[in-house]
Amino acid sequence: MPVRKKKSVPQRLFQQRPPLTPMHEPLTRDEVHRLQRHMRKHGPRSLTPRQHDAIWDFLFDLPESQVWLSHMVEQTKAAQASLRPRAKTEA
């Protein structure tokens, strides 16, 4: 049986990431930006689940997030209402 040649497929090399300094609580906008910068550079698995949750909690509590969420809820309700069949009125 002929011997197969080994394919030369370049493999992605994982680089050791620098250690992330501990998260300061309560989170400030600067701290959130620092964690997001680290995550963008090293990937989503570079943060702990606790850090991810802290970022989401911080963003959720922002007033502009609450305004955006209320607009999205209104749009969703309007879209759902437009899909419902209308009740026939008898004249």
PDB file of N, CA and C in Angstrom:
ATOM      1  N   MET A   1       0.835  -1.170   0.000  1.00  0.00           N
ATOM      2  CA  MET A   1       0.000   0.000   0.000  1.00  0.00           C
ATOM      3  C   MET A   1       0.884   1.240   0.000  1.00  0.00           C
ATOM      4  N   PRO A   2       0.574   2.220  -0.867  1.00  0.00           N
ATOM      5  CA  PRO A   2       1.442   3.407  -0.924  1.00  0.00           C
ATOM      6  C   PRO A   2       1.289   4.258   0.337  1.00  0.00           C
ATOM      7  N   VAL A   3       2.355   4.893   0.697  1.00  0.00           N
ATOM      8  CA  VAL A   3       2.363   5.746   1.882  1.00  0.00           C
ATOM      9  C   VAL A   3       1.917   7.149   1.469  1.00  0.00           C
ATOM     10  N   ARG A   4       0.948   7.667   2.218  1.00  0.00           N
ATOM     11  CA  ARG A   4       0.452   9.017   1.909  1.00  0.00           C
ATOM     12  C   ARG A   4       1.445  10.072   2.363  1.00  0.00           C
ATOM     13  N   LYS A   5       1.531  11.100   1.555  1.00  0.00           N
ATOM     14  CA  LYS A   5       2.372  12.225   1.957  1.00  0.00           C
ATOM     15  C   LYS A   5       1.637  13.012   3.031  1.00  0.00           C
ATOM     16  N   LYS A   6       2.387  13.505   3.987  1.00  0.00           N
ATOM     17  CA  LYS A   6       1.774  14.355   5.012  1.00  0.00           C
ATOM     18  C   LYS A   6       1.441  15.707   4.408  1.00  0.00           C
ATOM     19  N   LYS A   7       0.237  16.131   4.670  1.00  0.00           N
ATOM     20  CA  LYS A   7      -0.176  17.427   4.147  1.00  0.00           C
ATOM     21  C   LYS A   7       0.444  18.535   4.989  1.00  0.00           C
ATOM     22  N   SER A   8       0.851  19.561   4.284  1.00  0.00           N
ATOM     23  CA  SER A   8       1.420  20.703   4.981  1.00  0.00           C
ATOM     24  C   SER A   8       0.314  21.748   5.176  1.00  0.00           C
ATOM     25  N   VAL A   9      -0.392  21.626   6.284  1.00  0.00           N
ATOM     26  CA  VAL A   9      -1.475  22.553   6.586  1.00  0.00           C
ATOM     27  C   VAL A   9      -0.998  23.485   7.694  1.00  0.00           C
ATOM     28  N   PRO A  10      -0.977  24.767   7.415  1.00  0.00           N
ATOM     29  CA  PRO A  10      -0.529  25.671   8.474  1.00  0.00           C
ATOM     30  C   PRO A  10      -1.508  25.642   9.637  1.00  0.00           C
ATOM     31  N   GLN A  11      -0.984  25.523  10.820  1.00  0.00           N
ATOM     32  CA  GLN A  11      -1.805  25.484  12.021  1.00  0.00           C
ATOM     33  C   GLN A  11      -1.768  26.842  12.707  1.00  0.00           C
ATOM     34  N   ARG A  12      -2.893  27.169  13.295  1.00  0.00           N
ATOM     35  CA  ARG A  12      -2.956  28.429  14.031  1.00  0.00           C
ATOM     36  C   ARG A  12      -2.184  28.265  15.333  1.00  0.00           C
ATOM     37  N   LEU A  13      -1.268  29.155  15.552  1.00  0.00           N
ATOM     38  CA  LEU A  13      -0.468  29.091  16.766  1.00  0.00           C
ATOM     39  C   LEU A  13      -1.136  29.913  17.858  1.00  0.00           C
ATOM     40  N   PHE A  14      -1.280  29.331  19.009  1.00  0.00           N
ATOM     41  CA  PHE A  14      -1.850  30.051  20.132  1.00  0.00           C
ATOM     42  C   PHE A  14      -0.721  30.715  20.900  1.00  0.00           C
ATOM     43  N   GLN A  15      -0.845  32.005  21.049  1.00  0.00           N
ATOM     44  CA  GLN A  15       0.166  32.738  21.785  1.00  0.00           C
ATOM     45  C   GLN A  15      -0.300  32.888  23.227  1.00  0.00           C
ATOM     46  N   GLN A  16       0.630  32.797  24.129  1.00  0.00           N
ATOM     47  CA  GLN A  16       0.297  33.010  25.526  1.00  0.00           C
ATOM     48  C   GLN A  16      -0.123  34.454  25.692  1.00  0.00           C
ATOM     49  N   ARG A  17      -1.244  34.655  26.322  1.00  0.00           N
ATOM     50  CA  ARG A  17      -1.700  36.020  26.534  1.00  0.00           C
ATOM     51  C   ARG A  17      -1.111  36.544  27.841  1.00  0.00           C
ATOM     52  N   PRO A  18      -0.905  37.839  27.905  1.00  0.00           N
ATOM     53  CA  PRO A  18      -0.404  38.390  29.160  1.00  0.00           C
ATOM     54  C   PRO A  18      -1.479  38.243  30.232  1.00  0.00           C
ATOM     55  N   PRO A  19      -1.090  38.047  31.457  1.00  0.00           N
ATOM     56  CA  PRO A  19      -2.094  37.891  32.500  1.00  0.00           C
ATOM     57  C   PRO A  19      -2.905  39.175  32.672  1.00  0.00           C
ATOM     58  N   LEU A  20      -4.190  38.999  32.813  1.00  0.00           N
ATOM     59  CA  LEU A  20      -5.074  40.137  32.990  1.00  0.00           C
ATOM     60  C   LEU A  20      -5.077  40.526  34.464  1.00  0.00           C
ATOM     61  N   THR A  21      -4.934  41.797  34.713  1.00  0.00           N
ATOM     62  CA  THR A  21      -4.940  42.235  36.107  1.00  0.00           C
ATOM     63  C   THR A  21      -6.341  42.033  36.685  1.00  0.00           C
ATOM     64  N   PRO A  22      -6.462  41.841  37.971  1.00  0.00           N
ATOM     65  CA  PRO A  22      -7.782  41.598  38.564  1.00  0.00           C
ATOM     66  C   PRO A  22      -8.753  42.737  38.275  1.00  0.00           C
ATOM     67  N   MET A  23     -10.003  42.364  38.185  1.00  0.00           N
ATOM     68  CA  MET A  23     -11.049  43.333  37.896  1.00  0.00           C
ATOM     69  C   MET A  23     -11.333  44.149  39.152  1.00  0.00           C
ATOM     70  N   HIS A  24     -11.468  45.449  38.965  1.00  0.00           N
ATOM     71  CA  HIS A  24     -11.792  46.336  40.089  1.00  0.00           C
ATOM     72  C   HIS A  24     -13.298  46.497  40.166  1.00  0.00           C
ATOM     73  N   GLU A  25     -13.838  46.318  41.351  1.00  0.00           N
ATOM     74  CA  GLU A  25     -15.275  46.494  41.520  1.00  0.00           C
ATOM     75  C   GLU A  25     -15.541  47.613  42.502  1.00  0.00           C
ATOM     76  N   PRO A  26     -16.571  48.393  42.377  1.00  0.00           N
ATOM     77  CA  PRO A  26     -17.548  48.340  41.300  1.00  0.00           C
ATOM     78  C   PRO A  26     -16.935  48.824  39.990  1.00  0.00           C
ATOM     79  N   LEU A  27     -17.471  48.327  38.901  1.00  0.00           N
ATOM     80  CA  LEU A  27     -16.903  48.650  37.598  1.00  0.00           C
ATOM     81  C   LEU A  27     -17.148  50.104  37.232  1.00  0.00           C
ATOM     82  N   THR A  28     -16.156  50.683  36.615  1.00  0.00           N
ATOM     83  CA  THR A  28     -16.285  52.027  36.054  1.00  0.00           C
ATOM     84  C   THR A  28     -16.263  51.880  34.540  1.00  0.00           C
ATOM     85  N   ARG A  29     -16.598  52.950  33.862  1.00  0.00           N
ATOM     86  CA  ARG A  29     -16.596  52.904  32.395  1.00  0.00           C
ATOM     87  C   ARG A  29     -15.184  52.570  31.877  1.00  0.00           C
ATOM     88  N   ASP A  30     -14.154  53.129  32.518  1.00  0.00           N
ATOM     89  CA  ASP A  30     -12.775  52.848  32.100  1.00  0.00           C
ATOM     90  C   ASP A  30     -12.429  51.373  32.290  1.00  0.00           C
ATOM     91  N   GLU A  31     -12.894  50.797  33.390  1.00  0.00           N
ATOM     92  CA  GLU A  31     -12.619  49.388  33.656  1.00  0.00           C
ATOM     93  C   GLU A  31     -13.323  48.494  32.641  1.00  0.00           C
ATOM     94  N   VAL A  32     -14.540  48.849  32.269  1.00  0.00           N
ATOM     95  CA  VAL A  32     -15.271  48.084  31.252  1.00  0.00           C
ATOM     96  C   VAL A  32     -14.534  48.169  29.924  1.00  0.00           C
ATOM     97  N   HIS A  33     -14.077  49.360  29.571  1.00  0.00           N
ATOM     98  CA  HIS A  33     -13.330  49.516  28.310  1.00  0.00           C
ATOM     99  C   HIS A  33     -12.041  48.694  28.337  1.00  0.00           C
ATOM    100  N   ARG A  34     -11.385  48.657  29.479  1.00  0.00           N
ATOM    101  CA  ARG A  34     -10.144  47.873  29.595  1.00  0.00           C
ATOM    102  C   ARG A  34     -10.429  46.385  29.387  1.00  0.00           C
ATOM    103  N   LEU A  35     -11.490  45.886  30.018  1.00  0.00           N
ATOM    104  CA  LEU A  35     -11.838  44.475  29.853  1.00  0.00           C
ATOM    105  C   LEU A  35     -12.258  44.165  28.424  1.00  0.00           C
ATOM    106  N   GLN A  36     -13.029  45.068  27.806  1.00  0.00           N
ATOM    107  CA  GLN A  36     -13.449  44.848  26.421  1.00  0.00           C
ATOM    108  C   GLN A  36     -12.263  44.881  25.467  1.00  0.00           C
ATOM    109  N   ARG A  37     -11.316  45.790  25.721  1.00  0.00           N
ATOM    110  CA  ARG A  37     -10.111  45.859  24.890  1.00  0.00           C
ATOM    111  C   ARG A  37      -9.343  44.541  24.964  1.00  0.00           C
ATOM    112  N   HIS A  38      -9.211  44.022  26.188  1.00  0.00           N
ATOM    113  CA  HIS A  38      -8.500  42.760  26.383  1.00  0.00           C
ATOM    114  C   HIS A  38      -9.224  41.629  25.646  1.00  0.00           C
ATOM    115  N   MET A  39     -10.555  41.616  25.736  1.00  0.00           N
ATOM    116  CA  MET A  39     -11.330  40.563  25.104  1.00  0.00           C
ATOM    117  C   MET A  39     -11.225  40.646  23.577  1.00  0.00           C
ATOM    118  N   ARG A  40     -11.245  41.849  23.029  1.00  0.00           N
ATOM    119  CA  ARG A  40     -11.124  42.000  21.569  1.00  0.00           C
ATOM    120  C   ARG A  40      -9.761  41.517  21.073  1.00  0.00           C
ATOM    121  N   LYS A  41      -8.745  41.769  21.883  1.00  0.00           N
ATOM    122  CA  LYS A  41      -7.385  41.400  21.470  1.00  0.00           C
ATOM    123  C   LYS A  41      -7.123  39.904  21.628  1.00  0.00           C
ATOM    124  N   HIS A  42      -7.635  39.309  22.712  1.00  0.00           N
ATOM    125  CA  HIS A  42      -7.284  37.921  23.034  1.00  0.00           C
ATOM    126  C   HIS A  42      -8.429  36.930  22.912  1.00  0.00           C
ATOM    127  N   GLY A  43      -9.608  37.402  22.525  1.00  0.00           N
ATOM    128  CA  GLY A  43     -10.731  36.500  22.339  1.00  0.00           C
ATOM    129  C   GLY A  43     -11.639  36.436  23.553  1.00  0.00           C
ATOM    130  N   PRO A  44     -12.885  35.969  23.334  1.00  0.00           N
ATOM    131  CA  PRO A  44     -13.875  35.976  24.422  1.00  0.00           C
ATOM    132  C   PRO A  44     -13.526  35.049  25.576  1.00  0.00           C
ATOM    133  N   ARG A  45     -12.737  34.024  25.320  1.00  0.00           N
ATOM    134  CA  ARG A  45     -12.387  33.104  26.404  1.00  0.00           C
ATOM    135  C   ARG A  45     -11.281  33.638  27.305  1.00  0.00           C
ATOM    136  N   SER A  46     -10.789  34.831  26.981  1.00  0.00           N
ATOM    137  CA  SER A  46      -9.724  35.396  27.808  1.00  0.00           C
ATOM    138  C   SER A  46     -10.276  36.009  29.095  1.00  0.00           C
ATOM    139  N   LEU A  47     -11.594  36.201  29.150  1.00  0.00           N
ATOM    140  CA  LEU A  47     -12.220  36.725  30.363  1.00  0.00           C
ATOM    141  C   LEU A  47     -12.952  35.605  31.091  1.00  0.00           C
ATOM    142  N   THR A  48     -13.060  35.758  32.387  1.00  0.00           N
ATOM    143  CA  THR A  48     -13.791  34.765  33.173  1.00  0.00           C
ATOM    144  C   THR A  48     -15.293  35.023  33.034  1.00  0.00           C
ATOM    145  N   PRO A  49     -16.128  34.026  33.307  1.00  0.00           N
ATOM    146  CA  PRO A  49     -17.578  34.254  33.262  1.00  0.00           C
ATOM    147  C   PRO A  49     -18.008  35.396  34.194  1.00  0.00           C
ATOM    148  N   ARG A  50     -17.338  35.526  35.318  1.00  0.00           N
ATOM    149  CA  ARG A  50     -17.658  36.614  36.250  1.00  0.00           C
ATOM    150  C   ARG A  50     -17.389  37.982  35.616  1.00  0.00           C
ATOM    151  N   GLN A  51     -16.287  38.070  34.849  1.00  0.00           N
ATOM    152  CA  GLN A  51     -15.967  39.335  34.181  1.00  0.00           C
ATOM    153  C   GLN A  51     -16.982  39.640  33.078  1.00  0.00           C
ATOM    154  N   HIS A  52     -17.367  38.600  32.306  1.00  0.00           N
ATOM    155  CA  HIS A  52     -18.392  38.794  31.278  1.00  0.00           C
ATOM    156  C   HIS A  52     -19.684  39.298  31.911  1.00  0.00           C
ATOM    157  N   ASP A  53     -20.105  38.653  32.991  1.00  0.00           N
ATOM    158  CA  ASP A  53     -21.348  39.041  33.662  1.00  0.00           C
ATOM    159  C   ASP A  53     -21.258  40.460  34.194  1.00  0.00           C
ATOM    160  N   ALA A  54     -20.105  40.831  34.726  1.00  0.00           N
ATOM    161  CA  ALA A  54     -19.931  42.187  35.265  1.00  0.00           C
ATOM    162  C   ALA A  54     -20.051  43.231  34.153  1.00  0.00           C
ATOM    163  N   ILE A  55     -19.497  42.930  32.982  1.00  0.00           N
ATOM    164  CA  ILE A  55     -19.603  43.856  31.842  1.00  0.00           C
ATOM    165  C   ILE A  55     -21.062  44.017  31.442  1.00  0.00           C
ATOM    166  N   TRP A  56     -21.770  42.880  31.287  1.00  0.00           N
ATOM    167  CA  TRP A  56     -23.174  42.943  30.875  1.00  0.00           C
ATOM    168  C   TRP A  56     -24.016  43.672  31.907  1.00  0.00           C
ATOM    169  N   ASP A  57     -23.766  43.423  33.185  1.00  0.00           N
ATOM    170  CA  ASP A  57     -24.523  44.110  34.233  1.00  0.00           C
ATOM    171  C   ASP A  57     -24.287  45.611  34.181  1.00  0.00           C
ATOM    172  N   PHE A  58     -23.029  45.988  33.968  1.00  0.00           N
ATOM    173  CA  PHE A  58     -22.707  47.417  33.881  1.00  0.00           C
ATOM    174  C   PHE A  58     -23.435  48.051  32.702  1.00  0.00           C
ATOM    175  N   LEU A  59     -23.372  47.398  31.535  1.00  0.00           N
ATOM    176  CA  LEU A  59     -24.009  47.952  30.339  1.00  0.00           C
ATOM    177  C   LEU A  59     -25.528  47.989  30.486  1.00  0.00           C
ATOM    178  N   PHE A  60     -26.095  46.977  31.137  1.00  0.00           N
ATOM    179  CA  PHE A  60     -27.543  46.925  31.309  1.00  0.00           C
ATOM    180  C   PHE A  60     -28.037  48.062  32.193  1.00  0.00           C
ATOM    181  N   ASP A  61     -27.243  48.458  33.168  1.00  0.00           N
ATOM    182  CA  ASP A  61     -27.650  49.495  34.111  1.00  0.00           C
ATOM    183  C   ASP A  61     -27.507  50.917  33.562  1.00  0.00           C
ATOM    184  N   LEU A  62     -26.895  51.080  32.408  1.00  0.00           N
ATOM    185  CA  LEU A  62     -26.733  52.425  31.843  1.00  0.00           C
ATOM    186  C   LEU A  62     -28.091  52.977  31.405  1.00  0.00           C
ATOM    187  N   PRO A  63     -28.344  54.273  31.624  1.00  0.00           N
ATOM    188  CA  PRO A  63     -29.636  54.854  31.210  1.00  0.00           C
ATOM    189  C   PRO A  63     -29.896  54.709  29.711  1.00  0.00           C
ATOM    190  N   GLU A  64     -28.861  54.885  28.890  1.00  0.00           N
ATOM    191  CA  GLU A  64     -29.077  54.773  27.437  1.00  0.00           C
ATOM    192  C   GLU A  64     -29.434  53.340  27.034  1.00  0.00           C
ATOM    193  N   SER A  65     -28.959  52.356  27.798  1.00  0.00           N
ATOM    194  CA  SER A  65     -29.337  50.970  27.525  1.00  0.00           C
ATOM    195  C   SER A  65     -30.810  50.750  27.844  1.00  0.00           C
ATOM    196  N   GLN A  66     -31.274  51.339  28.935  1.00  0.00           N
ATOM    197  CA  GLN A  66     -32.687  51.197  29.307  1.00  0.00           C
ATOM    198  C   GLN A  66     -33.591  51.846  28.267  1.00  0.00           C
ATOM    199  N   VAL A  67     -33.180  53.004  27.753  1.00  0.00           N
ATOM    200  CA  VAL A  67     -33.960  53.679  26.703  1.00  0.00           C
ATOM    201  C   VAL A  67     -33.994  52.804  25.450  1.00  0.00           C
ATOM    202  N   TRP A  68     -32.838  52.273  25.063  1.00  0.00           N
ATOM    203  CA  TRP A  68     -32.760  51.424  23.876  1.00  0.00           C
ATOM    204  C   TRP A  68     -33.639  50.183  24.047  1.00  0.00           C
ATOM    205  N   LEU A  69     -33.579  49.564  25.233  1.00  0.00           N
ATOM    206  CA  LEU A  69     -34.381  48.370  25.484  1.00  0.00           C
ATOM    207  C   LEU A  69     -35.876  48.676  25.421  1.00  0.00           C
ATOM    208  N   SER A  70     -36.291  49.813  25.970  1.00  0.00           N
ATOM    209  CA  SER A  70     -37.719  50.147  25.932  1.00  0.00           C
ATOM    210  C   SER A  70     -38.180  50.370  24.494  1.00  0.00           C
ATOM    211  N   HIS A  71     -37.340  50.988  23.647  1.00  0.00           N
ATOM    212  CA  HIS A  71     -37.687  51.159  22.225  1.00  0.00           C
ATOM    213  C   HIS A  71     -37.794  49.806  21.534  1.00  0.00           C
ATOM    214  N   MET A  72     -36.871  48.906  21.861  1.00  0.00           N
ATOM    215  CA  MET A  72     -36.908  47.577  21.238  1.00  0.00           C
ATOM    216  C   MET A  72     -38.165  46.812  21.661  1.00  0.00           C
ATOM    217  N   VAL A  73     -38.558  46.951  22.913  1.00  0.00           N
ATOM    218  CA  VAL A  73     -39.779  46.283  23.386  1.00  0.00           C
ATOM    219  C   VAL A  73     -40.995  46.843  22.655  1.00  0.00           C
ATOM    220  N   GLU A  74     -41.052  48.174  22.500  1.00  0.00           N
ATOM    221  CA  GLU A  74     -42.166  48.791  21.766  1.00  0.00           C
ATOM    222  C   GLU A  74     -42.223  48.288  20.333  1.00  0.00           C
ATOM    223  N   GLN A  75     -41.069  48.216  19.663  1.00  0.00           N
ATOM    224  CA  GLN A  75     -41.037  47.749  18.279  1.00  0.00           C
ATOM    225  C   GLN A  75     -41.465  46.289  18.178  1.00  0.00           C
ATOM    226  N   THR A  76     -41.028  45.478  19.136  1.00  0.00           N
ATOM    227  CA  THR A  76     -41.389  44.061  19.128  1.00  0.00           C
ATOM    228  C   THR A  76     -42.891  43.893  19.337  1.00  0.00           C
ATOM    229  N   LYS A  77     -43.453  44.642  20.274  1.00  0.00           N
ATOM    230  CA  LYS A  77     -44.899  44.569  20.511  1.00  0.00           C
ATOM    231  C   LYS A  77     -45.675  45.023  19.290  1.00  0.00           C
ATOM    232  N   ALA A  78     -45.208  46.085  18.637  1.00  0.00           N
ATOM    233  CA  ALA A  78     -45.887  46.572  17.434  1.00  0.00           C
ATOM    234  C   ALA A  78     -45.810  45.534  16.316  1.00  0.00           C
ATOM    235  N   ALA A  79     -44.666  44.889  16.176  1.00  0.00           N
ATOM    236  CA  ALA A  79     -44.507  43.865  15.137  1.00  0.00           C
ATOM    237  C   ALA A  79     -45.415  42.671  15.422  1.00  0.00           C
ATOM    238  N   GLN A  80     -45.496  42.266  16.690  1.00  0.00           N
ATOM    239  CA  GLN A  80     -46.367  41.149  17.043  1.00  0.00           C
ATOM    240  C   GLN A  80     -47.831  41.504  16.816  1.00  0.00           C
ATOM    241  N   ALA A  81     -48.213  42.729  17.156  1.00  0.00           N
ATOM    242  CA  ALA A  81     -49.598  43.159  16.961  1.00  0.00           C
ATOM    243  C   ALA A  81     -49.952  43.186  15.480  1.00  0.00           C
ATOM    244  N   SER A  82     -48.999  43.559  14.636  1.00  0.00           N
ATOM    245  CA  SER A  82     -49.285  43.621  13.199  1.00  0.00           C
ATOM    246  C   SER A  82     -49.440  42.223  12.584  1.00  0.00           C
ATOM    247  N   LEU A  83     -48.918  41.203  13.237  1.00  0.00           N
ATOM    248  CA  LEU A  83     -49.029  39.838  12.713  1.00  0.00           C
ATOM    249  C   LEU A  83     -50.308  39.134  13.154  1.00  0.00           C
ATOM    250  N   ARG A  84     -50.987  39.683  14.162  1.00  0.00           N
ATOM    251  CA  ARG A  84     -52.214  39.058  14.650  1.00  0.00           C
ATOM    252  C   ARG A  84     -53.342  39.304  13.660  1.00  0.00           C
ATOM    253  N   PRO A  85     -54.173  38.298  13.456  1.00  0.00           N
ATOM    254  CA  PRO A  85     -55.332  38.531  12.578  1.00  0.00           C
ATOM    255  C   PRO A  85     -56.306  39.510  13.239  1.00  0.00           C
ATOM    256  N   ARG A  86     -56.874  40.349  12.437  1.00  0.00           N
ATOM    257  CA  ARG A  86     -57.807  41.339  12.974  1.00  0.00           C
ATOM    258  C   ARG A  86     -59.181  40.714  13.166  1.00  0.00           C
ATOM    259  N   ALA A  87     -59.833  41.139  14.197  1.00  0.00           N
ATOM    260  CA  ALA A  87     -61.181  40.646  14.446  1.00  0.00           C
ATOM    261  C   ALA A  87     -62.136  41.270  13.437  1.00  0.00           C
ATOM    262  N   LYS A  88     -63.009  40.453  12.850  1.00  0.00           N
ATOM    263  CA  LYS A  88     -63.970  40.961  11.860  1.00  0.00           C
ATOM    264  C   LYS A  88     -65.116  41.644  12.599  1.00  0.00           C
ATOM    265  N   THR A  89     -65.440  42.813  12.158  1.00  0.00           N
ATOM    266  CA  THR A  89     -66.562  43.518  12.754  1.00  0.00           C
ATOM    267  C   THR A  89     -67.761  43.396  11.823  1.00  0.00           C
ATOM    268  N   GLU A  90     -68.906  43.073  12.376  1.00  0.00           N
ATOM    269  CA  GLU A  90     -70.108  42.938  11.557  1.00  0.00           C
ATOM    270  C   GLU A  90     -70.856  44.261  11.567  1.00  0.00           C
ATOM    271  N   ALA A  91     -71.305  44.663  10.401  1.00  0.00           N
ATOM    272  CA  ALA A  91     -72.006  45.933  10.292  1.00  0.00           C
ATOM    273  C   ALA A  91     -73.499  45.745  10.253  1.00  0.00           C
TER     274      ALA A  91
END
